[in-house]
Amino acid sequence: MKQSKWMRMLWLAGLLGWSMVWGAQEQQDSGSNRAVVRLGQISLSFYAVTGGVVAEVLERLGHTVEISQGSHAQIFPRLAAGDVDLLVAAWLPYGHAV
């Protein structure tokens, strides 16, 4: 049963990751150059992992990625103001546990 739960979580993470990559591709500049993707990342270790994976995928697709780090209170207003194009986050089980 646990394996099924983890497989569903991995599938969902992959689907969300793919949708972010697809959305970022639509923001490309006219011509062959890709737009700079401004990636917001909350300054906690498990957010750094998810942000790093998405940044790597975007860079492999030819995008330039600028990572903006900060606390929850700093990143969400940047996202709302349009200073950050996307926020990559994954709430992992026991992520806030002792």
PDB file of N, CA and C in Angstrom:
ATOM      1  N   MET A   1       0.816  -1.198   0.000  1.00  0.00           N
ATOM      2  CA  MET A   1       0.000   0.000   0.000  1.00  0.00           C
ATOM      3  C   MET A   1       0.859   1.261   0.000  1.00  0.00           C
ATOM      4  N   LYS A   2       1.952   1.251   0.785  1.00  0.00           N
ATOM      5  CA  LYS A   2       2.823   2.418   0.824  1.00  0.00           C
ATOM      6  C   LYS A   2       3.471   2.676  -0.525  1.00  0.00           C
ATOM      7  N   GLN A   3       3.857   1.625  -1.228  1.00  0.00           N
ATOM      8  CA  GLN A   3       4.475   1.802  -2.531  1.00  0.00           C
ATOM      9  C   GLN A   3       3.492   2.467  -3.490  1.00  0.00           C
ATOM     10  N   SER A   4       2.249   2.089  -3.411  1.00  0.00           N
ATOM     11  CA  SER A   4       1.226   2.696  -4.255  1.00  0.00           C
ATOM     12  C   SER A   4       1.103   4.186  -3.954  1.00  0.00           C
ATOM     13  N   LYS A   5       1.143   4.552  -2.687  1.00  0.00           N
ATOM     14  CA  LYS A   5       1.053   5.953  -2.282  1.00  0.00           C
ATOM     15  C   LYS A   5       2.235   6.733  -2.837  1.00  0.00           C
ATOM     16  N   TRP A   6       3.438   6.180  -2.717  1.00  0.00           N
ATOM     17  CA  TRP A   6       4.632   6.860  -3.221  1.00  0.00           C
ATOM     18  C   TRP A   6       4.606   6.963  -4.741  1.00  0.00           C
ATOM     19  N   MET A   7       4.117   5.940  -5.396  1.00  0.00           N
ATOM     20  CA  MET A   7       4.045   5.981  -6.859  1.00  0.00           C
ATOM     21  C   MET A   7       3.084   7.082  -7.305  1.00  0.00           C
ATOM     22  N   ARG A   8       1.971   7.229  -6.614  1.00  0.00           N
ATOM     23  CA  ARG A   8       1.020   8.300  -6.954  1.00  0.00           C
ATOM     24  C   ARG A   8       1.644   9.663  -6.724  1.00  0.00           C
ATOM     25  N   MET A   9       2.405   9.801  -5.637  1.00  0.00           N
ATOM     26  CA  MET A   9       3.057  11.077  -5.356  1.00  0.00           C
ATOM     27  C   MET A   9       4.105  11.397  -6.409  1.00  0.00           C
ATOM     28  N   LEU A  10       4.883  10.393  -6.823  1.00  0.00           N
ATOM     29  CA  LEU A  10       5.882  10.616  -7.870  1.00  0.00           C
ATOM     30  C   LEU A  10       5.237  10.962  -9.199  1.00  0.00           C
ATOM     31  N   TRP A  11       4.138  10.293  -9.508  1.00  0.00           N
ATOM     32  CA  TRP A  11       3.420  10.579 -10.743  1.00  0.00           C
ATOM     33  C   TRP A  11       2.900  12.007 -10.731  1.00  0.00           C
ATOM     34  N   LEU A  12       2.321  12.436  -9.614  1.00  0.00           N
ATOM     35  CA  LEU A  12       1.809  13.792  -9.493  1.00  0.00           C
ATOM     36  C   LEU A  12       2.937  14.817  -9.594  1.00  0.00           C
ATOM     37  N   ALA A  13       4.066  14.535  -8.940  1.00  0.00           N
ATOM     38  CA  ALA A  13       5.209  15.450  -9.025  1.00  0.00           C
ATOM     39  C   ALA A  13       5.710  15.561 -10.463  1.00  0.00           C
ATOM     40  N   GLY A  14       5.761  14.448 -11.167  1.00  0.00           N
ATOM     41  CA  GLY A  14       6.176  14.483 -12.570  1.00  0.00           C
ATOM     42  C   GLY A  14       5.213  15.268 -13.440  1.00  0.00           C
ATOM     43  N   LEU A  15       3.932  15.074 -13.206  1.00  0.00           N
ATOM     44  CA  LEU A  15       2.915  15.810 -13.964  1.00  0.00           C
ATOM     45  C   LEU A  15       3.009  17.304 -13.704  1.00  0.00           C
ATOM     46  N   LEU A  16       3.165  17.680 -12.434  1.00  0.00           N
ATOM     47  CA  LEU A  16       3.296  19.094 -12.105  1.00  0.00           C
ATOM     48  C   LEU A  16       4.570  19.681 -12.696  1.00  0.00           C
ATOM     49  N   GLY A  17       5.659  18.930 -12.616  1.00  0.00           N
ATOM     50  CA  GLY A  17       6.916  19.394 -13.198  1.00  0.00           C
ATOM     51  C   GLY A  17       6.800  19.607 -14.693  1.00  0.00           C
ATOM     52  N   TRP A  18       6.166  18.665 -15.379  1.00  0.00           N
ATOM     53  CA  TRP A  18       5.999  18.783 -16.824  1.00  0.00           C
ATOM     54  C   TRP A  18       5.137  19.988 -17.179  1.00  0.00           C
ATOM     55  N   SER A  19       4.074  20.236 -16.393  1.00  0.00           N
ATOM     56  CA  SER A  19       3.210  21.376 -16.687  1.00  0.00           C
ATOM     57  C   SER A  19       3.957  22.687 -16.491  1.00  0.00           C
ATOM     58  N   MET A  20       4.872  22.740 -15.512  1.00  0.00           N
ATOM     59  CA  MET A  20       5.663  23.954 -15.314  1.00  0.00           C
ATOM     60  C   MET A  20       6.622  24.167 -16.475  1.00  0.00           C
ATOM     61  N   VAL A  21       7.234  23.095 -16.947  1.00  0.00           N
ATOM     62  CA  VAL A  21       8.155  23.198 -18.078  1.00  0.00           C
ATOM     63  C   VAL A  21       7.404  23.636 -19.320  1.00  0.00           C
ATOM     64  N   TRP A  22       6.236  23.064 -19.558  1.00  0.00           N
ATOM     65  CA  TRP A  22       5.437  23.414 -20.727  1.00  0.00           C
ATOM     66  C   TRP A  22       5.027  24.884 -20.663  1.00  0.00           C
ATOM     67  N   GLY A  23       4.610  25.344 -19.480  1.00  0.00           N
ATOM     68  CA  GLY A  23       4.227  26.745 -19.317  1.00  0.00           C
ATOM     69  C   GLY A  23       5.398  27.678 -19.535  1.00  0.00           C
ATOM     70  N   ALA A  24       6.576  27.283 -19.067  1.00  0.00           N
ATOM     71  CA  ALA A  24       7.759  28.117 -19.246  1.00  0.00           C
ATOM     72  C   ALA A  24       8.155  28.194 -20.714  1.00  0.00           C
ATOM     73  N   GLN A  25       7.944  27.126 -21.475  1.00  0.00           N
ATOM     74  CA  GLN A  25       8.270  27.147 -22.893  1.00  0.00           C
ATOM     75  C   GLN A  25       7.416  28.156 -23.636  1.00  0.00           C
ATOM     76  N   GLU A  26       6.186  28.356 -23.204  1.00  0.00           N
ATOM     77  CA  GLU A  26       5.305  29.299 -23.873  1.00  0.00           C
ATOM     78  C   GLU A  26       5.715  30.739 -23.629  1.00  0.00           C
ATOM     79  N   GLN A  27       6.575  30.993 -22.631  1.00  0.00           N
ATOM     80  CA  GLN A  27       7.003  32.344 -22.327  1.00  0.00           C
ATOM     81  C   GLN A  27       8.270  32.732 -23.082  1.00  0.00           C
ATOM     82  N   GLN A  28       8.672  31.945 -24.046  1.00  0.00           N
ATOM     83  CA  GLN A  28       9.929  32.221 -24.739  1.00  0.00           C
ATOM     84  C   GLN A  28       9.836  33.490 -25.570  1.00  0.00           C
ATOM     85  N   ASP A  29      10.981  34.105 -25.797  1.00  0.00           N
ATOM     86  CA  ASP A  29      11.057  35.293 -26.642  1.00  0.00           C
ATOM     87  C   ASP A  29      10.775  34.915 -28.079  1.00  0.00           C
ATOM     88  N   SER A  30      10.466  35.906 -28.899  1.00  0.00           N
ATOM     89  CA  SER A  30      10.359  35.626 -30.333  1.00  0.00           C
ATOM     90  C   SER A  30      11.761  35.335 -30.850  1.00  0.00           C
ATOM     91  N   GLY A  31      11.874  34.466 -31.796  1.00  0.00           N
ATOM     92  CA  GLY A  31      13.181  34.044 -32.287  1.00  0.00           C
ATOM     93  C   GLY A  31      13.631  32.780 -31.593  1.00  0.00           C
ATOM     94  N   SER A  32      14.925  32.505 -31.697  1.00  0.00           N
ATOM     95  CA  SER A  32      15.440  31.248 -31.159  1.00  0.00           C
ATOM     96  C   SER A  32      15.856  31.339 -29.694  1.00  0.00           C
ATOM     97  N   ASN A  33      15.996  32.536 -29.135  1.00  0.00           N
ATOM     98  CA  ASN A  33      16.404  32.664 -27.737  1.00  0.00           C
ATOM     99  C   ASN A  33      15.231  32.409 -26.807  1.00  0.00           C
ATOM    100  N   ARG A  34      15.505  31.749 -25.725  1.00  0.00           N
ATOM    101  CA  ARG A  34      14.482  31.466 -24.728  1.00  0.00           C
ATOM    102  C   ARG A  34      14.489  32.575 -23.688  1.00  0.00           C
ATOM    103  N   ALA A  35      13.347  32.791 -23.081  1.00  0.00           N
ATOM    104  CA  ALA A  35      13.223  33.812 -22.044  1.00  0.00           C
ATOM    105  C   ALA A  35      13.924  33.375 -20.768  1.00  0.00           C
ATOM    106  N   VAL A  36      14.280  34.350 -19.965  1.00  0.00           N
ATOM    107  CA  VAL A  36      14.815  34.061 -18.646  1.00  0.00           C
ATOM    108  C   VAL A  36      13.635  33.684 -17.762  1.00  0.00           C
ATOM    109  N   VAL A  37      13.748  32.568 -17.073  1.00  0.00           N
ATOM    110  CA  VAL A  37      12.712  32.116 -16.149  1.00  0.00           C
ATOM    111  C   VAL A  37      13.162  32.483 -14.751  1.00  0.00           C
ATOM    112  N   ARG A  38      12.351  33.264 -14.067  1.00  0.00           N
ATOM    113  CA  ARG A  38      12.661  33.697 -12.709  1.00  0.00           C
ATOM    114  C   ARG A  38      11.974  32.739 -11.743  1.00  0.00           C
ATOM    115  N   LEU A  39      12.773  31.898 -11.118  1.00  0.00           N
ATOM    116  CA  LEU A  39      12.281  30.815 -10.269  1.00  0.00           C
ATOM    117  C   LEU A  39      12.349  31.230  -8.808  1.00  0.00           C
ATOM    118  N   GLY A  40      11.209  31.243  -8.139  1.00  0.00           N
ATOM    119  CA  GLY A  40      11.172  31.518  -6.711  1.00  0.00           C
ATOM    120  C   GLY A  40      11.401  30.243  -5.925  1.00  0.00           C
ATOM    121  N   GLN A  41      12.178  30.352  -4.865  1.00  0.00           N
ATOM    122  CA  GLN A  41      12.488  29.163  -4.073  1.00  0.00           C
ATOM    123  C   GLN A  41      12.519  29.532  -2.602  1.00  0.00           C
ATOM    124  N   ILE A  42      11.759  28.817  -1.814  1.00  0.00           N
ATOM    125  CA  ILE A  42      11.730  29.047  -0.372  1.00  0.00           C
ATOM    126  C   ILE A  42      12.990  28.448   0.236  1.00  0.00           C
ATOM    127  N   SER A  43      13.598  29.174   1.134  1.00  0.00           N
ATOM    128  CA  SER A  43      14.913  28.804   1.684  1.00  0.00           C
ATOM    129  C   SER A  43      14.837  27.701   2.736  1.00  0.00           C
ATOM    130  N   LEU A  44      14.367  26.544   2.331  1.00  0.00           N
ATOM    131  CA  LEU A  44      14.392  25.342   3.162  1.00  0.00           C
ATOM    132  C   LEU A  44      14.929  24.212   2.291  1.00  0.00           C
ATOM    133  N   SER A  45      15.607  23.252   2.894  1.00  0.00           N
ATOM    134  CA  SER A  45      16.318  22.227   2.126  1.00  0.00           C
ATOM    135  C   SER A  45      15.440  21.467   1.152  1.00  0.00           C
ATOM    136  N   PHE A  46      14.229  21.064   1.557  1.00  0.00           N
ATOM    137  CA  PHE A  46      13.424  20.255   0.640  1.00  0.00           C
ATOM    138  C   PHE A  46      12.874  21.086  -0.514  1.00  0.00           C
ATOM    139  N   TYR A  47      12.741  22.406  -0.344  1.00  0.00           N
ATOM    140  CA  TYR A  47      12.366  23.259  -1.470  1.00  0.00           C
ATOM    141  C   TYR A  47      13.556  23.432  -2.419  1.00  0.00           C
ATOM    142  N   ALA A  48      14.762  23.437  -1.860  1.00  0.00           N
ATOM    143  CA  ALA A  48      15.961  23.563  -2.699  1.00  0.00           C
ATOM    144  C   ALA A  48      16.087  22.374  -3.641  1.00  0.00           C
ATOM    145  N   VAL A  49      15.723  21.202  -3.174  1.00  0.00           N
ATOM    146  CA  VAL A  49      15.802  20.001  -4.013  1.00  0.00           C
ATOM    147  C   VAL A  49      14.814  20.103  -5.174  1.00  0.00           C
ATOM    148  N   THR A  50      13.560  20.422  -4.895  1.00  0.00           N
ATOM    149  CA  THR A  50      12.568  20.515  -5.973  1.00  0.00           C
ATOM    150  C   THR A  50      12.902  21.653  -6.917  1.00  0.00           C
ATOM    151  N   GLY A  51      13.352  22.775  -6.371  1.00  0.00           N
ATOM    152  CA  GLY A  51      13.742  23.899  -7.223  1.00  0.00           C
ATOM    153  C   GLY A  51      14.928  23.558  -8.099  1.00  0.00           C
ATOM    154  N   GLY A  52      15.885  22.827  -7.555  1.00  0.00           N
ATOM    155  CA  GLY A  52      17.062  22.425  -8.329  1.00  0.00           C
ATOM    156  C   GLY A  52      16.714  21.502  -9.480  1.00  0.00           C
ATOM    157  N   VAL A  53      15.785  20.591  -9.251  1.00  0.00           N
ATOM    158  CA  VAL A  53      15.368  19.664 -10.311  1.00  0.00           C
ATOM    159  C   VAL A  53      14.680  20.427 -11.444  1.00  0.00           C
ATOM    160  N   VAL A  54      13.744  21.315 -11.086  1.00  0.00           N
ATOM    161  CA  VAL A  54      13.035  22.074 -12.114  1.00  0.00           C
ATOM    162  C   VAL A  54      13.993  23.019 -12.843  1.00  0.00           C
ATOM    163  N   ALA A  55      14.902  23.655 -12.130  1.00  0.00           N
ATOM    164  CA  ALA A  55      15.889  24.540 -12.764  1.00  0.00           C
ATOM    165  C   ALA A  55      16.745  23.759 -13.759  1.00  0.00           C
ATOM    166  N   GLU A  56      17.165  22.566 -13.387  1.00  0.00           N
ATOM    167  CA  GLU A  56      17.981  21.728 -14.278  1.00  0.00           C
ATOM    168  C   GLU A  56      17.225  21.383 -15.553  1.00  0.00           C
ATOM    169  N   VAL A  57      15.961  21.001 -15.415  1.00  0.00           N
ATOM    170  CA  VAL A  57      15.156  20.659 -16.587  1.00  0.00           C
ATOM    171  C   VAL A  57      15.006  21.875 -17.504  1.00  0.00           C
ATOM    172  N   LEU A  58      14.701  23.024 -16.922  1.00  0.00           N
ATOM    173  CA  LEU A  58      14.544  24.239 -17.726  1.00  0.00           C
ATOM    174  C   LEU A  58      15.839  24.615 -18.438  1.00  0.00           C
ATOM    175  N   GLU A  59      16.971  24.484 -17.752  1.00  0.00           N
ATOM    176  CA  GLU A  59      18.259  24.787 -18.376  1.00  0.00           C
ATOM    177  C   GLU A  59      18.578  23.810 -19.504  1.00  0.00           C
ATOM    178  N   ARG A  60      18.246  22.551 -19.337  1.00  0.00           N
ATOM    179  CA  ARG A  60      18.460  21.575 -20.404  1.00  0.00           C
ATOM    180  C   ARG A  60      17.594  21.875 -21.618  1.00  0.00           C
ATOM    181  N   LEU A  61      16.461  22.547 -21.393  1.00  0.00           N
ATOM    182  CA  LEU A  61      15.593  22.953 -22.500  1.00  0.00           C
ATOM    183  C   LEU A  61      16.051  24.261 -23.134  1.00  0.00           C
ATOM    184  N   GLY A  62      17.127  24.833 -22.614  1.00  0.00           N
ATOM    185  CA  GLY A  62      17.698  26.032 -23.211  1.00  0.00           C
ATOM    186  C   GLY A  62      17.329  27.337 -22.535  1.00  0.00           C
ATOM    187  N   HIS A  63      16.615  27.281 -21.432  1.00  0.00           N
ATOM    188  CA  HIS A  63      16.239  28.504 -20.720  1.00  0.00           C
ATOM    189  C   HIS A  63      17.352  28.942 -19.784  1.00  0.00           C
ATOM    190  N   THR A  64      17.438  30.226 -19.546  1.00  0.00           N
ATOM    191  CA  THR A  64      18.283  30.757 -18.497  1.00  0.00           C
ATOM    192  C   THR A  64      17.411  30.865 -17.254  1.00  0.00           C
ATOM    193  N   VAL A  65      17.891  30.365 -16.138  1.00  0.00           N
ATOM    194  CA  VAL A  65      17.097  30.347 -14.908  1.00  0.00           C
ATOM    195  C   VAL A  65      17.765  31.231 -13.867  1.00  0.00           C
ATOM    196  N   GLU A  66      16.996  32.151 -13.330  1.00  0.00           N
ATOM    197  CA  GLU A  66      17.446  32.981 -12.214  1.00  0.00           C
ATOM    198  C   GLU A  66      16.669  32.539 -10.979  1.00  0.00           C
ATOM    199  N   ILE A  67      17.373  32.133  -9.941  1.00  0.00           N
ATOM    200  CA  ILE A  67      16.717  31.652  -8.727  1.00  0.00           C
ATOM    201  C   ILE A  67      16.703  32.767  -7.697  1.00  0.00           C
ATOM    202  N   SER A  68      15.537  33.040  -7.175  1.00  0.00           N
ATOM    203  CA  SER A  68      15.341  34.038  -6.134  1.00  0.00           C
ATOM    204  C   SER A  68      14.902  33.309  -4.876  1.00  0.00           C
ATOM    205  N   GLN A  69      15.741  33.361  -3.834  1.00  0.00           N
ATOM    206  CA  GLN A  69      15.437  32.643  -2.597  1.00  0.00           C
ATOM    207  C   GLN A  69      14.941  33.583  -1.515  1.00  0.00           C
ATOM    208  N   GLY A  70      14.140  33.041  -0.633  1.00  0.00           N
ATOM    209  CA  GLY A  70      13.657  33.804   0.505  1.00  0.00           C
ATOM    210  C   GLY A  70      12.715  32.959   1.334  1.00  0.00           C
ATOM    211  N   SER A  71      12.227  33.545   2.392  1.00  0.00           N
ATOM    212  CA  SER A  71      11.273  32.853   3.261  1.00  0.00           C
ATOM    213  C   SER A  71       9.906  32.820   2.590  1.00  0.00           C
ATOM    214  N   HIS A  72       8.976  32.083   3.194  1.00  0.00           N
ATOM    215  CA  HIS A  72       7.600  32.065   2.685  1.00  0.00           C
ATOM    216  C   HIS A  72       7.070  33.495   2.566  1.00  0.00           C
ATOM    217  N   ALA A  73       7.299  34.283   3.617  1.00  0.00           N
ATOM    218  CA  ALA A  73       6.786  35.657   3.666  1.00  0.00           C
ATOM    219  C   ALA A  73       7.412  36.559   2.607  1.00  0.00           C
ATOM    220  N   GLN A  74       8.599  36.218   2.116  1.00  0.00           N
ATOM    221  CA  GLN A  74       9.252  37.023   1.082  1.00  0.00           C
ATOM    222  C   GLN A  74       8.884  36.573  -0.326  1.00  0.00           C
ATOM    223  N   ILE A  75       8.783  35.263  -0.551  1.00  0.00           N
ATOM    224  CA  ILE A  75       8.587  34.741  -1.906  1.00  0.00           C
ATOM    225  C   ILE A  75       7.165  34.915  -2.415  1.00  0.00           C
ATOM    226  N   PHE A  76       6.172  34.658  -1.590  1.00  0.00           N
ATOM    227  CA  PHE A  76       4.794  34.736  -2.075  1.00  0.00           C
ATOM    228  C   PHE A  76       4.413  36.140  -2.568  1.00  0.00           C
ATOM    229  N   PRO A  77       4.817  37.231  -1.888  1.00  0.00           N
ATOM    230  CA  PRO A  77       4.539  38.560  -2.453  1.00  0.00           C
ATOM    231  C   PRO A  77       5.270  38.808  -3.777  1.00  0.00           C
ATOM    232  N   ARG A  78       6.474  38.271  -3.930  1.00  0.00           N
ATOM    233  CA  ARG A  78       7.205  38.403  -5.207  1.00  0.00           C
ATOM    234  C   ARG A  78       6.458  37.690  -6.328  1.00  0.00           C
ATOM    235  N   LEU A  79       5.900  36.527  -6.017  1.00  0.00           N
ATOM    236  CA  LEU A  79       5.122  35.782  -6.998  1.00  0.00           C
ATOM    237  C   LEU A  79       3.866  36.569  -7.384  1.00  0.00           C
ATOM    238  N   ALA A  80       3.179  37.131  -6.388  1.00  0.00           N
ATOM    239  CA  ALA A  80       1.961  37.903  -6.644  1.00  0.00           C
ATOM    240  C   ALA A  80       2.249  39.154  -7.467  1.00  0.00           C
ATOM    241  N   ALA A  81       3.412  39.769  -7.254  1.00  0.00           N
ATOM    242  CA  ALA A  81       3.775  40.992  -7.965  1.00  0.00           C
ATOM    243  C   ALA A  81       4.322  40.716  -9.362  1.00  0.00           C
ATOM    244  N   GLY A  82       4.586  39.460  -9.676  1.00  0.00           N
ATOM    245  CA  GLY A  82       5.139  39.123 -10.983  1.00  0.00           C
ATOM    246  C   GLY A  82       6.652  39.223 -11.048  1.00  0.00           C
ATOM    247  N   ASP A  83       7.300  39.399  -9.888  1.00  0.00           N
ATOM    248  CA  ASP A  83       8.763  39.449  -9.850  1.00  0.00           C
ATOM    249  C   ASP A  83       9.368  38.055  -9.956  1.00  0.00           C
ATOM    250  N   VAL A  84       8.548  37.039  -9.737  1.00  0.00           N
ATOM    251  CA  VAL A  84       8.940  35.635  -9.860  1.00  0.00           C
ATOM    252  C   VAL A  84       7.958  34.993 -10.822  1.00  0.00           C
ATOM    253  N   ASP A  85       8.472  34.250 -11.804  1.00  0.00           N
ATOM    254  CA  ASP A  85       7.602  33.615 -12.788  1.00  0.00           C
ATOM    255  C   ASP A  85       6.897  32.387 -12.239  1.00  0.00           C
ATOM    256  N   LEU A  86       7.606  31.595 -11.468  1.00  0.00           N
ATOM    257  CA  LEU A  86       6.996  30.407 -10.887  1.00  0.00           C
ATOM    258  C   LEU A  86       7.658  30.069  -9.575  1.00  0.00           C
ATOM    259  N   LEU A  87       6.892  29.419  -8.744  1.00  0.00           N
ATOM    260  CA  LEU A  87       7.365  28.981  -7.442  1.00  0.00           C
ATOM    261  C   LEU A  87       7.301  27.466  -7.425  1.00  0.00           C
ATOM    262  N   VAL A  88       8.418  26.853  -7.190  1.00  0.00           N
ATOM    263  CA  VAL A  88       8.467  25.398  -7.162  1.00  0.00           C
ATOM    264  C   VAL A  88       8.457  24.965  -5.708  1.00  0.00           C
ATOM    265  N   ALA A  89       7.475  24.158  -5.373  1.00  0.00           N
ATOM    266  CA  ALA A  89       7.367  23.701  -3.997  1.00  0.00           C
ATOM    267  C   ALA A  89       6.763  22.312  -3.972  1.00  0.00           C
ATOM    268  N   ALA A  90       7.195  21.532  -3.014  1.00  0.00           N
ATOM    269  CA  ALA A  90       6.613  20.214  -2.791  1.00  0.00           C
ATOM    270  C   ALA A  90       6.546  20.011  -1.294  1.00  0.00           C
ATOM    271  N   TRP A  91       5.359  19.719  -0.810  1.00  0.00           N
ATOM    272  CA  TRP A  91       5.240  19.409   0.597  1.00  0.00           C
ATOM    273  C   TRP A  91       5.430  17.919   0.731  1.00  0.00           C
ATOM    274  N   LEU A  92       6.542  17.545   1.321  1.00  0.00           N
ATOM    275  CA  LEU A  92       6.867  16.135   1.481  1.00  0.00           C
ATOM    276  C   LEU A  92       6.364  15.633   2.830  1.00  0.00           C
ATOM    277  N   PRO A  93       5.949  14.393   2.889  1.00  0.00           N
ATOM    278  CA  PRO A  93       5.515  13.840   4.172  1.00  0.00           C
ATOM    279  C   PRO A  93       6.611  13.978   5.211  1.00  0.00           C
ATOM    280  N   TYR A  94       6.245  14.424   6.382  1.00  0.00           N
ATOM    281  CA  TYR A  94       7.179  14.612   7.494  1.00  0.00           C
ATOM    282  C   TYR A  94       8.195  15.717   7.239  1.00  0.00           C
ATOM    283  N   GLY A  95       7.920  16.580   6.273  1.00  0.00           N
ATOM    284  CA  GLY A  95       8.852  17.663   5.949  1.00  0.00           C
ATOM    285  C   GLY A  95       9.088  18.628   7.086  1.00  0.00           C
ATOM    286  N   HIS A  96       8.091  18.814   7.939  1.00  0.00           N
ATOM    287  CA  HIS A  96       8.248  19.707   9.071  1.00  0.00           C
ATOM    288  C   HIS A  96       8.356  18.945  10.396  1.00  0.00           C
ATOM    289  N   ALA A  97       8.604  17.659  10.307  1.00  0.00           N
ATOM    290  CA  ALA A  97       8.717  16.858  11.528  1.00  0.00           C
ATOM    291  C   ALA A  97      10.070  17.080  12.183  1.00  0.00           C
ATOM    292  N   VAL A  98      10.154  16.698  13.435  1.00  0.00           N
ATOM    293  CA  VAL A  98      11.408  16.824  14.181  1.00  0.00           C
ATOM    294  C   VAL A  98      12.420  15.859  13.614  1.00  0.00           C
TER     295      VAL A  98
END
